[in-house]
Amino acid sequence: MSKNSRVRKALKKLEGHDPHKIIEAAAELGELGDLRALEPLKALIFNENPEVRRAAALALDALWEPKWKRFIQGGDLDFVAVYTSLDLEALGMLKKNLDNANKDYQIMIEKAIAYSLTELWGNIPFHVFKHLVDEKYIDVTFLEGVVAQH
C-alpha cells in the first residue's frame, strides 16, 4: 500500500469512535510524517479520552509540534498544563472544546482552569491577562467565583 493510501486510511480512522483504532491511527500518522495529519491530530488534543489525547500529542511531536507532548500527558493535569502555558493556540483550542463539550467534561475543564488561575494569579502579566479576558479565554463571571473562594 502506498504512503498516500496509508495516510488517507489512518486519517479516516481518526474520525471513528473506537479509541483503540484512533490511538493506532495517530501513532501511524506520526510514523508516516505526513503534514496533512496536523489539523486532524490537533482536533484530538482535547478528546475526553486521556489515552487518545496522549496519542495525538505524541504523533504531533513526531510531526514537529513538540509543545503538545509537553502539555498533554494523558491525565487530569493536561488542562492545567495547557492553561498555565499561556500558549494562545492551545488556549483557543481549549476554549473551543469547552464550548462544545458535554456538561461533565466542561466541569472537569473548568476545575482545571480554576486551579490554574490560582497557580498563575501572581505571575500573569497584566497585558496577557487582559488579552485572555478580551478574547474570552477567561470568563470574568467565572473568575469572580474563583476569586471569592480564595
Protein backbone atom coordinates (compact mmCIF):
# COMPACT_ATOMS: atom_id res chain seq x y z
CA MET A 1 0.00 0.00 0.00
CA SER A 2 1.38 3.43 -0.89
CA LYS A 3 2.18 6.03 1.74
CA ASN A 4 -0.60 8.24 0.42
CA SER A 5 -3.15 5.42 0.79
CA ARG A 6 -1.93 4.64 4.31
CA VAL A 7 -2.26 8.31 5.31
CA ARG A 8 -5.80 8.54 3.92
CA LYS A 9 -6.82 5.32 5.67
CA ALA A 10 -5.34 6.47 9.01
CA LEU A 11 -7.00 9.89 8.72
CA LYS A 12 -10.33 8.15 8.17
CA LYS A 13 -9.79 6.07 11.34
CA LEU A 14 -9.30 9.28 13.35
CA GLU A 15 -12.92 10.15 12.62
CA GLY A 16 -14.20 6.96 14.26
CA HIS A 17 -15.43 6.35 17.78
CA ASP A 18 -13.22 3.42 18.81
CA PRO A 19 -10.42 4.86 20.99
CA HIS A 20 -8.10 1.92 20.25
CA LYS A 21 -8.37 2.44 16.49
CA ILE A 22 -7.92 6.20 16.90
CA ILE A 23 -4.78 5.65 19.00
CA GLU A 24 -3.37 3.22 16.40
CA ALA A 25 -4.13 5.68 13.60
CA ALA A 26 -2.49 8.57 15.47
CA ALA A 27 0.66 6.51 16.00
CA GLU A 28 0.74 5.52 12.34
CA LEU A 29 0.30 9.13 11.22
CA GLY A 30 3.19 10.18 13.44
CA GLU A 31 5.38 7.46 11.89
CA LEU A 32 4.36 8.42 8.36
CA GLY A 33 5.27 12.06 9.00
CA ASP A 34 2.63 13.48 6.66
CA LEU A 35 1.70 17.07 7.45
CA ARG A 36 -1.90 16.51 6.32
CA ALA A 37 -2.35 14.90 9.73
CA LEU A 38 -1.59 18.08 11.73
CA GLU A 39 -5.08 19.54 11.99
CA PRO A 40 -6.93 16.22 12.48
CA LEU A 41 -4.47 15.31 15.25
CA LYS A 42 -4.84 18.72 16.88
CA ALA A 43 -8.59 18.15 16.91
CA LEU A 44 -7.95 15.17 19.22
CA ILE A 45 -5.80 17.07 21.72
CA PHE A 46 -8.79 17.77 23.99
CA ASN A 47 -10.59 14.48 23.43
CA GLU A 48 -12.36 13.19 26.52
CA ASN A 49 -10.26 10.02 26.45
CA PRO A 50 -6.84 10.76 28.02
CA GLU A 51 -5.14 7.97 26.04
CA VAL A 52 -6.41 9.47 22.78
CA ARG A 53 -5.12 12.90 23.87
CA ARG A 54 -1.68 11.45 24.62
CA ALA A 55 -1.52 9.51 21.34
CA ALA A 56 -2.37 12.69 19.43
CA ALA A 57 0.29 14.64 21.34
CA LEU A 58 2.95 12.03 20.60
CA ALA A 59 2.01 11.96 16.92
CA LEU A 60 2.16 15.76 16.77
CA ASP A 61 5.60 15.63 18.38
CA ALA A 62 6.71 13.36 15.53
CA LEU A 63 5.32 15.98 13.11
CA TRP A 64 7.47 18.77 14.61
CA GLU A 65 4.84 20.09 17.03
CA PRO A 66 6.62 19.24 20.33
CA LYS A 67 4.64 21.57 22.61
CA TRP A 68 1.67 19.19 22.68
CA LYS A 69 3.81 16.43 24.16
CA ARG A 70 4.81 18.80 26.98
CA PHE A 71 1.20 19.81 27.74
CA ILE A 72 -0.64 16.54 27.24
CA GLN A 73 0.44 13.65 29.45
CA GLY A 74 -2.84 11.76 29.22
CA GLY A 75 -4.17 12.63 32.65
CA ASP A 76 -6.17 15.02 34.78
CA LEU A 77 -3.47 17.70 34.70
CA ASP A 78 -3.50 18.07 30.90
CA PHE A 79 -5.82 21.06 31.07
CA VAL A 80 -3.84 22.67 33.89
CA ALA A 81 -0.67 22.36 31.81
CA VAL A 82 -2.36 23.93 28.79
CA TYR A 83 -3.86 26.78 30.78
CA THR A 84 -0.69 27.62 32.69
CA SER A 85 1.34 27.53 29.47
CA LEU A 86 -0.48 30.66 28.23
CA ASP A 87 0.02 29.30 24.71
CA LEU A 88 -2.65 31.15 22.71
CA GLU A 89 -3.16 28.38 20.15
CA ALA A 90 -3.64 25.80 22.90
CA LEU A 91 -5.91 28.14 24.89
CA GLY A 92 -8.05 28.79 21.83
CA MET A 93 -8.44 25.07 21.26
CA LEU A 94 -9.26 24.54 24.94
CA LYS A 95 -11.95 27.22 24.80
CA LYS A 96 -13.45 25.76 21.62
CA ASN A 97 -13.60 22.32 23.22
CA LEU A 98 -15.04 23.72 26.43
CA ASP A 99 -17.84 25.37 24.47
CA ASN A 100 -18.67 22.12 22.65
CA ALA A 101 -18.19 19.61 25.48
CA ASN A 102 -20.77 17.71 27.48
CA LYS A 103 -21.54 19.05 30.96
CA ASP A 104 -19.32 16.64 32.95
CA TYR A 105 -16.35 17.34 30.68
CA GLN A 106 -16.98 21.10 30.95
CA ILE A 107 -16.93 20.86 34.73
CA MET A 108 -13.64 18.96 34.64
CA ILE A 109 -12.04 21.58 32.37
CA GLU A 110 -13.43 24.46 34.45
CA LYS A 111 -11.97 22.94 37.63
CA ALA A 112 -8.59 22.69 35.91
CA ILE A 113 -8.88 26.32 34.81
CA ALA A 114 -9.76 27.40 38.36
CA TYR A 115 -6.75 25.53 39.72
CA SER A 116 -4.53 27.01 37.01
CA LEU A 117 -5.66 30.53 37.79
CA THR A 118 -4.77 30.12 41.45
CA GLU A 119 -1.30 28.95 40.36
CA LEU A 120 -0.87 31.79 37.86
CA TRP A 121 -2.56 34.61 39.70
CA GLY A 122 0.61 36.45 40.69
CA ASN A 123 2.55 35.52 37.57
CA ILE A 124 0.36 36.68 34.69
CA PRO A 125 1.49 40.00 33.20
CA PHE A 126 -1.49 42.35 33.01
CA HIS A 127 -1.41 42.67 29.19
CA VAL A 128 -1.56 38.87 28.85
CA PHE A 129 -4.38 38.62 31.39
CA LYS A 130 -6.30 41.41 29.60
CA HIS A 131 -5.91 39.61 26.27
CA LEU A 132 -7.20 36.38 27.80
CA VAL A 133 -10.26 38.18 29.18
CA ASP A 134 -10.86 40.18 25.98
CA GLU A 135 -10.71 37.06 23.82
CA LYS A 136 -12.97 35.25 26.29
CA TYR A 137 -10.39 32.63 27.26
CA ILE A 138 -11.23 33.71 30.79
CA ASP A 139 -14.87 34.26 31.67
CA VAL A 140 -14.92 37.17 34.12
CA THR A 141 -18.07 35.91 35.86
CA PHE A 142 -16.43 32.51 36.35
CA LEU A 143 -13.29 34.27 37.56
CA GLU A 144 -15.25 36.23 40.18
CA GLY A 145 -16.41 32.91 41.65
CA VAL A 146 -12.85 31.61 41.76
CA VAL A 147 -11.59 34.75 43.48
CA ALA A 148 -14.43 34.64 46.02
CA GLN A 149 -13.38 31.12 47.03
CA HIS A 150 -9.81 32.19 47.90
